[in-house]
Protein backbone atom coordinates (compact mmCIF):
# COMPACT_ATOMS: atom_id res chain seq x y z
CA MET A 1 -19.63 -39.55 -26.09
CA VAL A 2 -20.07 -35.91 -25.47
CA CYS A 3 -18.50 -33.25 -27.68
CA SER A 4 -18.16 -29.57 -26.52
CA PHE A 5 -17.21 -26.64 -28.51
CA HIS A 6 -15.62 -23.61 -27.18
CA VAL A 7 -15.80 -20.31 -29.02
CA TYR A 8 -13.10 -18.03 -28.39
CA THR A 9 -13.29 -14.39 -29.44
CA MET A 10 -10.30 -12.10 -29.79
CA GLU A 11 -10.58 -8.47 -29.33
CA ILE A 12 -8.50 -6.59 -31.68
CA LYS A 13 -6.60 -3.65 -30.10
CA ALA A 14 -4.95 -0.85 -31.77
CA ASN A 15 -1.32 -1.73 -31.97
CA ASP A 16 1.52 0.56 -31.56
CA ASN A 17 2.56 -0.35 -34.85
CA ASP A 18 -0.41 1.52 -36.21
CA THR A 19 1.23 4.83 -35.20
CA SER A 20 3.99 6.20 -37.01
CA PRO A 21 7.50 6.04 -35.43
CA ASP A 22 7.54 9.69 -35.19
CA GLN A 23 4.38 9.77 -33.16
CA GLN A 24 5.60 6.95 -30.89
CA ARG A 25 8.70 9.11 -30.31
CA LYS A 26 6.51 12.16 -29.52
CA LEU A 27 4.44 10.09 -27.08
CA ALA A 28 7.46 8.68 -25.45
CA ASN A 29 9.09 12.26 -24.99
CA LYS A 30 5.64 13.53 -23.62
CA LYS A 31 5.59 10.84 -20.80
CA LEU A 32 9.31 11.49 -20.12
CA GLY A 33 8.78 15.10 -19.78
CA PHE A 34 6.00 14.67 -17.30
CA LYS A 35 8.12 12.31 -15.14
CA LEU A 36 10.99 14.70 -15.34
CA LEU A 37 8.67 17.60 -14.18
CA TRP A 38 7.37 15.46 -11.24
CA ILE A 39 11.04 14.79 -10.16
CA VAL A 40 11.97 18.55 -10.39
CA ALA A 41 8.92 19.51 -8.40
CA GLY A 42 9.47 16.95 -5.72
CA SER A 43 13.18 18.03 -5.48
CA ILE A 44 12.13 21.72 -5.04
CA ALA A 45 9.65 20.82 -2.45
CA PHE A 46 12.25 18.72 -0.45
CA SER A 47 14.92 21.36 -0.75
CA ILE A 48 12.38 24.02 0.58
CA ALA A 49 11.28 21.68 3.62
CA LEU A 50 15.06 20.44 4.50
CA VAL A 51 16.27 23.65 6.15
CA PRO A 52 13.38 24.03 8.70
CA LEU A 53 13.45 20.00 9.28
CA TYR A 54 17.06 20.24 9.77
CA ASN A 55 16.95 23.08 12.36
CA VAL A 56 14.23 21.19 14.27
CA LEU A 57 16.22 18.22 14.35
CA CYS A 58 19.37 20.07 15.50
CA THR A 59 17.45 21.92 18.12
CA LEU A 60 15.94 18.65 19.55
CA THR A 61 18.98 16.56 19.50
CA GLY A 62 21.79 19.10 20.00
CA LEU A 63 23.27 17.91 16.64
CA ASN A 64 25.66 20.39 15.05
CA GLY A 65 26.05 22.21 18.44
CA LYS A 66 22.69 24.10 18.21
CA THR A 67 21.28 25.21 21.47
CA LYS A 68 17.80 26.15 22.60
CA THR A 69 16.74 29.90 21.75
CA THR A 70 14.68 30.16 24.64
CA ALA A 71 15.51 30.47 28.47
CA SER A 72 15.88 27.33 30.47
CA GLU A 73 14.07 27.00 33.84
CA ILE A 74 16.05 26.48 37.09
CA SER A 75 14.21 23.60 38.88
CA ASN A 76 15.92 21.34 41.44
CA THR A 77 19.20 21.67 39.92
CA LYS A 78 21.81 20.38 42.25
CA VAL A 79 25.45 21.43 41.85
CA ASP A 80 27.71 18.41 41.25
CA GLU A 81 30.71 19.52 43.31
CA SER A 82 32.58 16.22 42.59
CA ARG A 83 33.88 17.36 39.03
CA TRP A 84 34.66 20.56 37.14
CA VAL A 85 33.85 21.56 33.58
CA THR A 86 35.75 24.24 31.59
CA VAL A 87 33.61 26.41 29.12
CA GLN A 88 35.48 28.34 26.60
CA PHE A 89 33.96 31.31 24.91
CA THR A 90 34.50 32.46 21.32
CA SER A 91 32.94 35.06 19.07
CA ASN A 92 32.67 35.95 15.47
CA VAL A 93 31.13 38.79 13.51
CA MET A 94 29.99 37.98 10.16
CA PRO A 95 30.49 40.18 7.10
CA GLY A 96 27.98 43.10 6.86
CA LEU A 97 27.75 43.78 10.66
CA GLY A 98 30.04 46.76 11.49
CA TRP A 99 30.54 45.58 15.08
CA ASN A 100 33.41 44.51 17.38
CA PHE A 101 32.28 41.62 19.65
CA HIS A 102 34.19 39.51 22.00
CA PRO A 103 33.97 37.81 25.41
CA LYS A 104 35.12 39.75 28.51
CA GLN A 105 36.72 36.45 29.67
CA SER A 106 37.93 33.58 27.48
CA SER A 107 36.97 30.82 29.66
CA ILE A 108 35.47 29.88 33.05
CA ARG A 109 35.84 26.68 35.19
CA LEU A 110 32.58 25.68 37.15
CA HIS A 111 30.72 22.76 38.70
CA PRO A 112 27.85 21.20 36.68
CA GLY A 113 24.68 22.81 38.11
CA GLN A 114 26.25 26.04 39.31
CA ILE A 115 24.99 29.20 37.78
CA GLN A 116 27.48 31.69 36.22
CA THR A 117 27.34 34.95 34.55
CA VAL A 118 29.56 35.87 31.86
CA LEU A 119 29.82 39.27 29.85
CA PHE A 120 30.24 39.86 26.15
CA GLU A 121 30.96 43.32 24.96
CA ALA A 122 29.62 44.62 21.56
CA LYS A 123 30.72 47.93 19.92
CA ASN A 124 29.17 49.44 16.91
CA ILE A 125 32.03 50.98 14.73
CA THR A 126 29.86 52.59 12.22
CA SER A 127 28.18 55.93 12.06
CA GLN A 128 24.65 54.26 11.54
CA VAL A 129 22.27 52.40 13.92
CA VAL A 130 23.14 48.71 13.51
CA ALA A 131 21.12 45.65 14.54
CA GLY A 132 22.48 42.06 14.98
CA GLN A 133 21.24 38.80 16.04
CA ALA A 134 23.56 36.23 17.82
CA VAL A 135 23.59 32.55 16.91
CA PRO A 136 25.02 30.19 19.60
CA SER A 137 26.65 26.84 19.05
CA VAL A 138 28.26 24.55 21.50
CA SER A 139 31.01 21.98 20.68
CA PRO A 140 31.39 19.04 21.21
CA GLY A 141 27.72 18.67 19.77
CA VAL A 142 26.89 16.11 22.36
CA ALA A 143 27.34 18.80 25.08
CA SER A 144 24.92 21.34 23.59
CA ILE A 145 21.74 19.83 25.16
CA TYR A 146 23.32 20.21 28.58
CA PHE A 147 24.29 23.77 28.30
CA LYS A 148 21.35 25.73 29.78
CA LYS A 149 21.02 29.37 29.12
CA ILE A 150 18.89 31.23 31.64
CA GLU A 151 19.33 34.71 30.20
CA CYS A 152 21.01 35.55 27.01
CA PHE A 153 21.36 38.42 24.54
CA CYS A 154 20.91 35.84 21.88
CA PHE A 155 17.31 35.40 22.53
CA VAL A 156 16.37 38.70 21.05
CA ARG A 157 17.85 41.09 18.30
CA GLN A 158 20.38 43.66 19.44
CA GLU A 159 20.52 47.13 18.36
CA LEU A 160 23.47 49.59 18.84
CA GLN A 161 23.55 53.20 18.26
CA PRO A 162 26.53 54.64 16.27
CA GLY A 163 29.62 54.21 18.34
CA GLU A 164 27.75 52.72 21.20
CA THR A 165 29.42 49.97 23.36
CA LYS A 166 27.12 47.62 25.16
CA LEU A 167 27.78 44.86 27.67
CA MET A 168 25.58 41.82 27.03
CA PRO A 169 25.23 39.18 29.80
CA LEU A 170 24.89 35.48 29.47
CA ARG A 171 23.58 33.70 32.68
CA PHE A 172 23.80 29.83 32.29
CA PHE A 173 24.58 26.54 33.94
CA VAL A 174 25.84 23.20 32.69
CA SER A 175 23.38 20.51 33.69
CA PRO A 176 24.74 17.84 36.04
CA ASP A 177 23.44 15.20 33.57
CA LEU A 178 26.60 16.20 31.38
CA PRO A 179 28.19 12.85 30.46
CA SER A 180 31.18 12.28 32.72
CA ASP A 181 33.67 12.15 29.80
CA VAL A 182 33.03 15.63 28.83
CA SER A 183 35.09 18.06 30.94
CA GLU A 184 35.64 20.78 28.38
CA MET A 185 33.03 22.64 25.93
CA THR A 186 33.18 25.64 23.73
CA LEU A 187 30.33 28.16 23.46
CA SER A 188 30.73 30.12 20.21
CA TYR A 189 28.59 33.03 19.18
CA ALA A 190 28.12 34.31 15.60
CA PHE A 191 26.86 37.78 15.32
CA PHE A 192 24.78 38.42 11.94
CA SER A 193 23.40 41.47 10.64
CA ALA A 194 19.70 41.81 11.41
CA ASP A 195 17.17 43.96 9.52
CA LYS A 196 14.99 46.45 11.39
CA GLN A 197 11.66 45.01 12.28
């Protein structure tokens, strides 16, 4: 008969009970403070990154009616004469910009693929040189990626002398790829004050 002995050693660790309740609370508060700081730092980083990410997403997908801010190329665009699309134009001037701004015509009817030019009129009603930047949007949002601007005053900052009136052309077409259930769209421009650069 064989007998074997096993020797077990136990390591004694410092127990949390060795520290006073006051020290335990301070340690727990310190850990909680670090966790909360990480949450705050992460929230700030997320909020800073959110606006540029949202703008990129809206520009790529046409979400929220945002359109491209660069000229579209005209390449092999065929006019779809089998249907009509009505484009309505609206305008707004944001507070702080001393301008009157409006489209010369409220709407236009065209065939998808047909190039059109529409004029907008801006007038500086102040006694100072004022600069503004137009921001376009299209509704319904699904139509925004099919609205193609060839030439637009919204591509660059506009500056008007005191009392100056300026006609601003918009040259565009609606892509023939526009879904057939969309027969009306609205292009809206909001003009914001733009600091001198």
